[in-house]
Amino acid sequence: MVLYEKLSEIRNLYKEIFEAVEQFNVVFGWIILFLFTGTLVEVLICINELMITMTGSASIKIFLENILKAIFYIINISIVVMSCDKIEKENCSFIDRGYFLQSNLEKCVLRDELHYLVSWAAEIRPKCSAVGFFLVNQSILGALFSAMISYMIICVQFNFS
């Protein structure tokens, strides 16, 4: 009976975590969206200024300033993304451990309760989002870098023509 009570306590804690992530999305969703948009715009401006300084006679100071500013913005957004991605990864780990424990138990009430807990956890999966526009996880970094590289290629093409 003690294990059943522990599972009930785990379910309550998981529900609190889910609600905390939902509150995080409500409170910080717009901030994350503006952070992503601002980072993308600032890095694109830095890339544009880099292309201008490479073709002109600008100083090395301006060149380094733009490089460092772009790196700062990329590191800033990467930290936010990796923190949000950690929530999803820990959730998957929790579910995997639950399935593993469930497979090691014989047919009993505890196994059924564990199955219910793991199924419920797999269904609600807490995830960070930017106001529902997109999920904040590692895959969004690929999209962000893809947009930056595409813009840089276009800038290079215009500079050479």
N, C-alpha and C. Protein backbone atom coordinates (compact mmCIF):
# COMPACT_ATOMS: atom_id res chain seq x y z
N MET A 1 0.81 -1.19 0.00
CA MET A 1 0.00 0.00 0.00
C MET A 1 0.86 1.27 0.00
N VAL A 2 2.06 1.16 0.54
CA VAL A 2 2.96 2.31 0.59
C VAL A 2 3.36 2.72 -0.83
N LEU A 3 3.63 1.75 -1.70
CA LEU A 3 4.00 2.07 -3.08
C LEU A 3 2.85 2.73 -3.83
N TYR A 4 1.63 2.28 -3.56
CA TYR A 4 0.46 2.89 -4.20
C TYR A 4 0.35 4.37 -3.80
N GLU A 5 0.61 4.66 -2.53
CA GLU A 5 0.57 6.04 -2.05
C GLU A 5 1.69 6.87 -2.69
N LYS A 6 2.85 6.26 -2.87
CA LYS A 6 3.97 6.95 -3.52
C LYS A 6 3.62 7.28 -4.97
N LEU A 7 2.96 6.35 -5.67
CA LEU A 7 2.54 6.61 -7.05
C LEU A 7 1.53 7.75 -7.10
N SER A 8 0.65 7.78 -6.13
CA SER A 8 -0.32 8.87 -6.06
C SER A 8 0.39 10.21 -5.81
N GLU A 9 1.41 10.18 -4.98
CA GLU A 9 2.20 11.39 -4.71
C GLU A 9 2.97 11.82 -5.97
N ILE A 10 3.51 10.84 -6.69
CA ILE A 10 4.22 11.15 -7.94
C ILE A 10 3.27 11.75 -8.96
N ARG A 11 2.06 11.22 -9.05
CA ARG A 11 1.06 11.77 -9.97
C ARG A 11 0.74 13.22 -9.63
N ASN A 12 0.59 13.50 -8.34
CA ASN A 12 0.31 14.87 -7.92
C ASN A 12 1.47 15.80 -8.23
N LEU A 13 2.70 15.33 -8.00
CA LEU A 13 3.87 16.15 -8.32
C LEU A 13 3.98 16.39 -9.83
N TYR A 14 3.70 15.36 -10.61
CA TYR A 14 3.76 15.50 -12.06
C TYR A 14 2.71 16.50 -12.54
N LYS A 15 1.54 16.45 -11.93
CA LYS A 15 0.48 17.41 -12.28
C LYS A 15 0.92 18.83 -11.95
N GLU A 16 1.59 19.00 -10.81
CA GLU A 16 2.09 20.33 -10.43
C GLU A 16 3.16 20.81 -11.42
N ILE A 17 4.02 19.89 -11.86
CA ILE A 17 5.03 20.26 -12.86
C ILE A 17 4.36 20.68 -14.15
N PHE A 18 3.37 19.92 -14.60
CA PHE A 18 2.65 20.26 -15.82
C PHE A 18 2.01 21.64 -15.69
N GLU A 19 1.36 21.90 -14.57
CA GLU A 19 0.72 23.20 -14.36
C GLU A 19 1.75 24.33 -14.29
N ALA A 20 2.92 24.04 -13.71
CA ALA A 20 3.98 25.06 -13.65
C ALA A 20 4.49 25.38 -15.05
N VAL A 21 4.64 24.37 -15.90
CA VAL A 21 5.08 24.62 -17.28
C VAL A 21 4.01 25.39 -18.04
N GLU A 22 2.75 25.06 -17.82
CA GLU A 22 1.67 25.81 -18.46
C GLU A 22 1.67 27.27 -18.01
N GLN A 23 1.91 27.52 -16.72
CA GLN A 23 2.01 28.89 -16.22
C GLN A 23 3.22 29.59 -16.82
N PHE A 24 4.33 28.86 -16.94
CA PHE A 24 5.52 29.40 -17.58
C PHE A 24 5.20 29.85 -18.99
N ASN A 25 4.46 29.02 -19.73
CA ASN A 25 4.08 29.37 -21.10
C ASN A 25 3.20 30.62 -21.14
N VAL A 26 2.30 30.74 -20.18
CA VAL A 26 1.43 31.92 -20.14
C VAL A 26 2.24 33.18 -19.81
N VAL A 27 3.09 33.08 -18.81
CA VAL A 27 3.84 34.25 -18.35
C VAL A 27 4.95 34.64 -19.33
N PHE A 28 5.70 33.64 -19.82
CA PHE A 28 6.88 33.93 -20.63
C PHE A 28 6.72 33.64 -22.11
N GLY A 29 5.55 33.20 -22.54
CA GLY A 29 5.35 32.86 -23.95
C GLY A 29 5.63 34.01 -24.90
N TRP A 30 5.05 35.19 -24.59
CA TRP A 30 5.27 36.35 -25.45
C TRP A 30 6.72 36.81 -25.38
N ILE A 31 7.31 36.73 -24.20
CA ILE A 31 8.71 37.13 -24.06
C ILE A 31 9.60 36.23 -24.91
N ILE A 32 9.34 34.93 -24.88
CA ILE A 32 10.13 33.99 -25.69
C ILE A 32 9.92 34.27 -27.18
N LEU A 33 8.69 34.54 -27.57
CA LEU A 33 8.42 34.86 -28.98
C LEU A 33 9.19 36.11 -29.40
N PHE A 34 9.13 37.17 -28.59
CA PHE A 34 9.85 38.39 -28.93
C PHE A 34 11.36 38.19 -28.86
N LEU A 35 11.82 37.35 -27.95
CA LEU A 35 13.24 37.04 -27.87
C LEU A 35 13.71 36.36 -29.15
N PHE A 36 12.93 35.39 -29.63
CA PHE A 36 13.28 34.72 -30.88
C PHE A 36 13.25 35.69 -32.05
N THR A 37 12.20 36.46 -32.15
CA THR A 37 12.07 37.42 -33.25
C THR A 37 13.18 38.46 -33.20
N GLY A 38 13.42 38.99 -32.01
CA GLY A 38 14.47 39.99 -31.85
C GLY A 38 15.84 39.43 -32.15
N THR A 39 16.10 38.20 -31.70
CA THR A 39 17.38 37.57 -31.98
C THR A 39 17.57 37.38 -33.47
N LEU A 40 16.55 36.88 -34.13
CA LEU A 40 16.65 36.67 -35.58
C LEU A 40 16.91 37.99 -36.30
N VAL A 41 16.16 39.02 -35.95
CA VAL A 41 16.33 40.32 -36.60
C VAL A 41 17.72 40.90 -36.31
N GLU A 42 18.15 40.85 -35.05
CA GLU A 42 19.46 41.40 -34.69
C GLU A 42 20.60 40.65 -35.38
N VAL A 43 20.51 39.33 -35.43
CA VAL A 43 21.57 38.57 -36.10
C VAL A 43 21.57 38.86 -37.59
N LEU A 44 20.40 39.00 -38.19
CA LEU A 44 20.33 39.34 -39.61
C LEU A 44 20.90 40.74 -39.87
N ILE A 45 20.64 41.66 -38.96
CA ILE A 45 21.23 43.00 -39.09
C ILE A 45 22.75 42.92 -38.97
N CYS A 46 23.23 42.11 -38.02
CA CYS A 46 24.68 41.93 -37.87
C CYS A 46 25.29 41.33 -39.13
N ILE A 47 24.61 40.34 -39.71
CA ILE A 47 25.11 39.73 -40.94
C ILE A 47 25.14 40.77 -42.06
N ASN A 48 24.09 41.57 -42.14
CA ASN A 48 24.04 42.62 -43.16
C ASN A 48 25.17 43.63 -42.96
N GLU A 49 25.39 44.05 -41.73
CA GLU A 49 26.47 45.00 -41.45
C GLU A 49 27.84 44.37 -41.73
N LEU A 50 27.97 43.07 -41.45
CA LEU A 50 29.22 42.39 -41.76
C LEU A 50 29.49 42.41 -43.25
N MET A 51 28.46 42.17 -44.04
CA MET A 51 28.63 42.18 -45.49
C MET A 51 29.00 43.57 -45.99
N ILE A 52 28.42 44.59 -45.37
CA ILE A 52 28.75 45.96 -45.75
C ILE A 52 30.19 46.29 -45.37
N THR A 53 30.61 45.90 -44.16
CA THR A 53 31.97 46.21 -43.72
C THR A 53 33.01 45.42 -44.50
N MET A 54 32.66 44.25 -44.98
CA MET A 54 33.62 43.46 -45.76
C MET A 54 33.87 44.07 -47.13
N THR A 55 32.86 44.72 -47.69
CA THR A 55 33.03 45.33 -49.01
C THR A 55 33.53 46.77 -48.91
N GLY A 56 33.32 47.41 -47.77
CA GLY A 56 33.75 48.80 -47.61
C GLY A 56 35.09 48.90 -46.93
N SER A 57 35.36 50.07 -46.45
CA SER A 57 36.64 50.29 -45.77
C SER A 57 36.41 50.51 -44.27
N ALA A 58 35.51 49.72 -43.70
CA ALA A 58 35.21 49.85 -42.27
C ALA A 58 36.35 49.26 -41.44
N SER A 59 36.41 49.67 -40.21
CA SER A 59 37.50 49.22 -39.34
C SER A 59 37.26 47.81 -38.82
N ILE A 60 38.32 47.22 -38.33
CA ILE A 60 38.25 45.88 -37.75
C ILE A 60 37.42 45.90 -36.47
N LYS A 61 37.38 47.07 -35.80
CA LYS A 61 36.60 47.21 -34.57
C LYS A 61 35.12 47.01 -34.85
N ILE A 62 34.61 47.63 -35.89
CA ILE A 62 33.19 47.46 -36.25
C ILE A 62 32.91 46.02 -36.64
N PHE A 63 33.84 45.42 -37.37
CA PHE A 63 33.70 44.03 -37.80
C PHE A 63 33.60 43.10 -36.58
N LEU A 64 34.52 43.25 -35.63
CA LEU A 64 34.51 42.41 -34.44
C LEU A 64 33.30 42.68 -33.56
N GLU A 65 32.90 43.93 -33.49
CA GLU A 65 31.72 44.29 -32.71
C GLU A 65 30.48 43.56 -33.23
N ASN A 66 30.32 43.53 -34.54
CA ASN A 66 29.17 42.85 -35.13
C ASN A 66 29.23 41.34 -34.91
N ILE A 67 30.42 40.77 -35.03
CA ILE A 67 30.58 39.33 -34.80
C ILE A 67 30.23 38.99 -33.35
N LEU A 68 30.75 39.75 -32.41
CA LEU A 68 30.50 39.47 -30.99
C LEU A 68 29.04 39.68 -30.62
N LYS A 69 28.41 40.69 -31.22
CA LYS A 69 27.00 40.92 -30.95
C LYS A 69 26.16 39.76 -31.45
N ALA A 70 26.45 39.25 -32.64
CA ALA A 70 25.72 38.11 -33.19
C ALA A 70 25.93 36.87 -32.33
N ILE A 71 27.16 36.64 -31.89
CA ILE A 71 27.46 35.48 -31.03
C ILE A 71 26.71 35.59 -29.70
N PHE A 72 26.67 36.79 -29.14
CA PHE A 72 25.95 37.01 -27.88
C PHE A 72 24.47 36.65 -28.04
N TYR A 73 23.84 37.13 -29.09
CA TYR A 73 22.42 36.83 -29.31
C TYR A 73 22.18 35.34 -29.52
N ILE A 74 23.05 34.69 -30.25
CA ILE A 74 22.90 33.25 -30.51
C ILE A 74 23.07 32.45 -29.21
N ILE A 75 24.05 32.81 -28.40
CA ILE A 75 24.25 32.12 -27.12
C ILE A 75 23.05 32.35 -26.21
N ASN A 76 22.54 33.55 -26.17
CA ASN A 76 21.40 33.89 -25.33
C ASN A 76 20.19 33.02 -25.69
N ILE A 77 19.85 32.94 -26.95
CA ILE A 77 18.68 32.17 -27.37
C ILE A 77 18.94 30.67 -27.19
N SER A 78 20.17 30.24 -27.38
CA SER A 78 20.50 28.82 -27.21
C SER A 78 20.32 28.39 -25.76
N ILE A 79 20.65 29.23 -24.82
CA ILE A 79 20.47 28.91 -23.40
C ILE A 79 18.99 28.73 -23.09
N VAL A 80 18.16 29.63 -23.58
CA VAL A 80 16.71 29.52 -23.36
C VAL A 80 16.17 28.24 -23.98
N VAL A 81 16.58 27.95 -25.21
CA VAL A 81 16.09 26.77 -25.90
C VAL A 81 16.52 25.49 -25.19
N MET A 82 17.77 25.42 -24.79
CA MET A 82 18.26 24.20 -24.14
C MET A 82 17.60 24.00 -22.77
N SER A 83 17.28 25.07 -22.09
CA SER A 83 16.56 24.95 -20.82
C SER A 83 15.16 24.40 -21.02
N CYS A 84 14.47 24.91 -22.03
CA CYS A 84 13.12 24.41 -22.33
C CYS A 84 13.17 22.99 -22.86
N ASP A 85 14.20 22.67 -23.64
CA ASP A 85 14.33 21.32 -24.19
C ASP A 85 14.58 20.30 -23.09
N LYS A 86 15.23 20.72 -22.03
CA LYS A 86 15.52 19.82 -20.91
C LYS A 86 14.22 19.32 -20.27
N ILE A 87 13.20 20.14 -20.25
CA ILE A 87 11.89 19.73 -19.71
C ILE A 87 11.33 18.57 -20.51
N GLU A 88 11.37 18.69 -21.84
CA GLU A 88 10.86 17.62 -22.69
C GLU A 88 11.68 16.34 -22.54
N LYS A 89 12.99 16.48 -22.48
CA LYS A 89 13.86 15.30 -22.36
C LYS A 89 13.64 14.58 -21.03
N GLU A 90 13.50 15.34 -19.95
CA GLU A 90 13.25 14.71 -18.65
C GLU A 90 11.89 14.02 -18.64
N ASN A 91 10.92 14.60 -19.32
CA ASN A 91 9.61 13.98 -19.42
C ASN A 91 9.70 12.63 -20.14
N CYS A 92 10.43 12.59 -21.24
CA CYS A 92 10.62 11.34 -21.98
C CYS A 92 11.34 10.31 -21.12
N SER A 93 12.32 10.75 -20.36
CA SER A 93 13.06 9.86 -19.48
C SER A 93 12.14 9.29 -18.39
N PHE A 94 11.28 10.13 -17.85
CA PHE A 94 10.31 9.69 -16.84
C PHE A 94 9.38 8.63 -17.40
N ILE A 95 8.90 8.85 -18.60
CA ILE A 95 7.98 7.90 -19.23
C ILE A 95 8.70 6.58 -19.54
N ASP A 96 9.93 6.67 -20.05
CA ASP A 96 10.70 5.45 -20.34
C ASP A 96 10.95 4.64 -19.07
N ARG A 97 11.31 5.33 -17.98
CA ARG A 97 11.52 4.62 -16.72
C ARG A 97 10.24 3.96 -16.23
N GLY A 98 9.14 4.65 -16.43
CA GLY A 98 7.84 4.09 -16.03
C GLY A 98 7.50 2.83 -16.81
N TYR A 99 7.73 2.86 -18.11
CA TYR A 99 7.49 1.66 -18.93
C TYR A 99 8.42 0.52 -18.52
N PHE A 100 9.66 0.85 -18.22
CA PHE A 100 10.62 -0.16 -17.80
C PHE A 100 10.19 -0.81 -16.48
N LEU A 101 9.80 0.02 -15.52
CA LEU A 101 9.34 -0.52 -14.23
C LEU A 101 8.08 -1.36 -14.40
N GLN A 102 7.22 -0.89 -15.27
CA GLN A 102 5.97 -1.61 -15.51
C GLN A 102 6.24 -2.99 -16.12
N SER A 103 7.22 -3.08 -16.99
CA SER A 103 7.52 -4.36 -17.62
C SER A 103 8.15 -5.35 -16.64
N ASN A 104 8.74 -4.84 -15.57
CA ASN A 104 9.37 -5.71 -14.57
C ASN A 104 8.41 -6.17 -13.48
N LEU A 105 7.21 -5.61 -13.46
CA LEU A 105 6.24 -6.00 -12.44
C LEU A 105 5.32 -7.11 -12.96
N GLU A 106 4.88 -7.94 -12.05
CA GLU A 106 3.90 -8.96 -12.41
C GLU A 106 2.52 -8.31 -12.41
N LYS A 107 1.53 -9.03 -12.93
CA LYS A 107 0.16 -8.50 -12.94
C LYS A 107 -0.30 -8.23 -11.51
N CYS A 108 -0.59 -6.97 -11.24
CA CYS A 108 -1.11 -6.60 -9.93
C CYS A 108 -1.69 -5.20 -10.03
N VAL A 109 -2.27 -4.76 -8.95
CA VAL A 109 -2.87 -3.43 -8.92
C VAL A 109 -1.81 -2.36 -9.11
N LEU A 110 -0.64 -2.57 -8.54
CA LEU A 110 0.45 -1.60 -8.65
C LEU A 110 0.87 -1.42 -10.11
N ARG A 111 0.95 -2.52 -10.85
CA ARG A 111 1.31 -2.43 -12.27
C ARG A 111 0.25 -1.66 -13.05
N ASP A 112 -1.02 -1.92 -12.76
CA ASP A 112 -2.10 -1.20 -13.44
C ASP A 112 -2.05 0.28 -13.12
N GLU A 113 -1.77 0.60 -11.87
CA GLU A 113 -1.67 2.01 -11.47
C GLU A 113 -0.47 2.68 -12.13
N LEU A 114 0.64 1.97 -12.22
CA LEU A 114 1.83 2.49 -12.89
C LEU A 114 1.55 2.70 -14.38
N HIS A 115 0.83 1.76 -14.98
CA HIS A 115 0.45 1.90 -16.39
C HIS A 115 -0.42 3.15 -16.59
N TYR A 116 -1.37 3.35 -15.69
CA TYR A 116 -2.23 4.53 -15.76
C TYR A 116 -1.40 5.81 -15.64
N LEU A 117 -0.46 5.83 -14.69
CA LEU A 117 0.39 7.00 -14.49
C LEU A 117 1.23 7.30 -15.73
N VAL A 118 1.86 6.27 -16.28
CA VAL A 118 2.74 6.47 -17.44
C VAL A 118 1.93 6.89 -18.67
N SER A 119 0.78 6.28 -18.87
CA SER A 119 -0.08 6.65 -20.00
C SER A 119 -0.55 8.09 -19.87
N TRP A 120 -0.93 8.47 -18.67
CA TRP A 120 -1.37 9.84 -18.42
C TRP A 120 -0.22 10.82 -18.65
N ALA A 121 0.98 10.48 -18.16
CA ALA A 121 2.14 11.35 -18.34
C ALA A 121 2.50 11.48 -19.81
N ALA A 122 2.37 10.39 -20.57
CA ALA A 122 2.67 10.44 -22.00
C ALA A 122 1.64 11.28 -22.74
N GLU A 123 0.44 11.32 -22.24
CA GLU A 123 -0.63 12.07 -22.90
C GLU A 123 -0.49 13.58 -22.70
N ILE A 124 -0.15 14.00 -21.49
CA ILE A 124 -0.13 15.45 -21.23
C ILE A 124 1.22 16.10 -21.49
N ARG A 125 2.31 15.39 -21.46
CA ARG A 125 3.66 15.87 -21.76
C ARG A 125 3.84 17.39 -21.67
N PRO A 126 4.40 17.90 -20.60
CA PRO A 126 4.63 19.34 -20.52
C PRO A 126 5.69 19.79 -21.53
N LYS A 127 5.37 20.85 -22.26
CA LYS A 127 6.29 21.40 -23.26
C LYS A 127 6.22 22.92 -23.21
N CYS A 128 7.35 23.54 -23.43
CA CYS A 128 7.40 25.01 -23.50
C CYS A 128 7.05 25.46 -24.91
N SER A 129 6.29 26.52 -24.99
CA SER A 129 5.96 27.05 -26.30
C SER A 129 6.01 28.57 -26.27
N ALA A 130 6.13 29.13 -27.47
CA ALA A 130 6.13 30.58 -27.61
C ALA A 130 4.73 31.00 -28.01
N VAL A 131 3.87 31.16 -27.04
CA VAL A 131 2.47 31.55 -27.19
C VAL A 131 1.73 30.60 -28.15
N GLY A 132 2.15 29.36 -28.19
CA GLY A 132 1.49 28.39 -29.05
C GLY A 132 1.91 28.44 -30.51
N PHE A 133 2.76 29.38 -30.89
CA PHE A 133 3.21 29.47 -32.28
C PHE A 133 4.15 28.33 -32.64
N PHE A 134 5.05 27.99 -31.73
CA PHE A 134 5.98 26.88 -31.95
C PHE A 134 6.47 26.38 -30.60
N LEU A 135 6.88 25.10 -30.59
CA LEU A 135 7.47 24.53 -29.39
C LEU A 135 8.92 24.98 -29.27
N VAL A 136 9.32 25.26 -28.06
CA VAL A 136 10.69 25.70 -27.82
C VAL A 136 11.51 24.47 -27.43
N ASN A 137 12.19 23.90 -28.42
CA ASN A 137 13.07 22.75 -28.21
C ASN A 137 14.22 22.84 -29.19
N GLN A 138 15.06 21.83 -29.22
CA GLN A 138 16.26 21.90 -30.06
C GLN A 138 15.94 22.06 -31.55
N SER A 139 14.81 21.55 -31.99
CA SER A 139 14.49 21.64 -33.42
C SER A 139 14.32 23.09 -33.88
N ILE A 140 13.92 23.97 -32.97
CA ILE A 140 13.74 25.37 -33.36
C ILE A 140 15.09 26.05 -33.61
N LEU A 141 16.15 25.55 -32.97
CA LEU A 141 17.48 26.11 -33.24
C LEU A 141 17.89 25.84 -34.69
N GLY A 142 17.57 24.66 -35.19
CA GLY A 142 17.87 24.34 -36.59
C GLY A 142 17.15 25.28 -37.54
N ALA A 143 15.90 25.56 -37.24
CA ALA A 143 15.13 26.49 -38.09
C ALA A 143 15.72 27.90 -38.02
N LEU A 144 16.13 28.31 -36.83
CA LEU A 144 16.72 29.64 -36.65
C LEU A 144 18.04 29.76 -37.41
N PHE A 145 18.91 28.75 -37.26
CA PHE A 145 20.19 28.79 -37.97
C PHE A 145 19.99 28.68 -39.47
N SER A 146 19.00 27.93 -39.89
CA SER A 146 18.70 27.81 -41.32
C SER A 146 18.30 29.16 -41.90
N ALA A 147 17.47 29.89 -41.19
CA ALA A 147 17.06 31.22 -41.66
C ALA A 147 18.26 32.16 -41.73
N MET A 148 19.14 32.10 -40.74
CA MET A 148 20.32 32.96 -40.73
C MET A 148 21.26 32.63 -41.89
N ILE A 149 21.50 31.36 -42.11
CA ILE A 149 22.41 30.94 -43.19
C ILE A 149 21.82 31.29 -44.55
N SER A 150 20.51 31.10 -44.71
CA SER A 150 19.87 31.46 -45.98
C SER A 150 20.02 32.95 -46.26
N TYR A 151 19.81 33.77 -45.23
CA TYR A 151 19.96 35.21 -45.39
C TYR A 151 21.40 35.57 -45.73
N MET A 152 22.35 34.90 -45.08
CA MET A 152 23.76 35.19 -45.33
C MET A 152 24.12 34.84 -46.78
N ILE A 153 23.60 33.72 -47.28
CA ILE A 153 23.87 33.34 -48.67
C ILE A 153 23.29 34.37 -49.63
N ILE A 154 22.10 34.83 -49.33
CA ILE A 154 21.48 35.86 -50.20
C ILE A 154 22.29 37.14 -50.16
N CYS A 155 22.76 37.54 -48.97
CA CYS A 155 23.59 38.75 -48.86
C CYS A 155 24.88 38.60 -49.65
N VAL A 156 25.51 37.46 -49.56
CA VAL A 156 26.76 37.22 -50.30
C VAL A 156 26.50 37.29 -51.80
N GLN A 157 25.40 36.70 -52.24
CA GLN A 157 25.07 36.74 -53.67
C GLN A 157 24.85 38.17 -54.16
N PHE A 158 24.17 38.97 -53.36
CA PHE A 158 23.93 40.36 -53.77
C PHE A 158 25.23 41.17 -53.76
N ASN A 159 26.13 40.87 -52.84
CA ASN A 159 27.40 41.59 -52.79
C ASN A 159 28.29 41.27 -53.99
N PHE A 160 28.19 40.06 -54.51
CA PHE A 160 29.02 39.68 -55.66
C PHE A 160 28.41 40.04 -56.99
N SER A 161 27.18 40.47 -57.00
CA SER A 161 26.57 40.83 -58.29
C SER A 161 26.54 42.31 -58.52
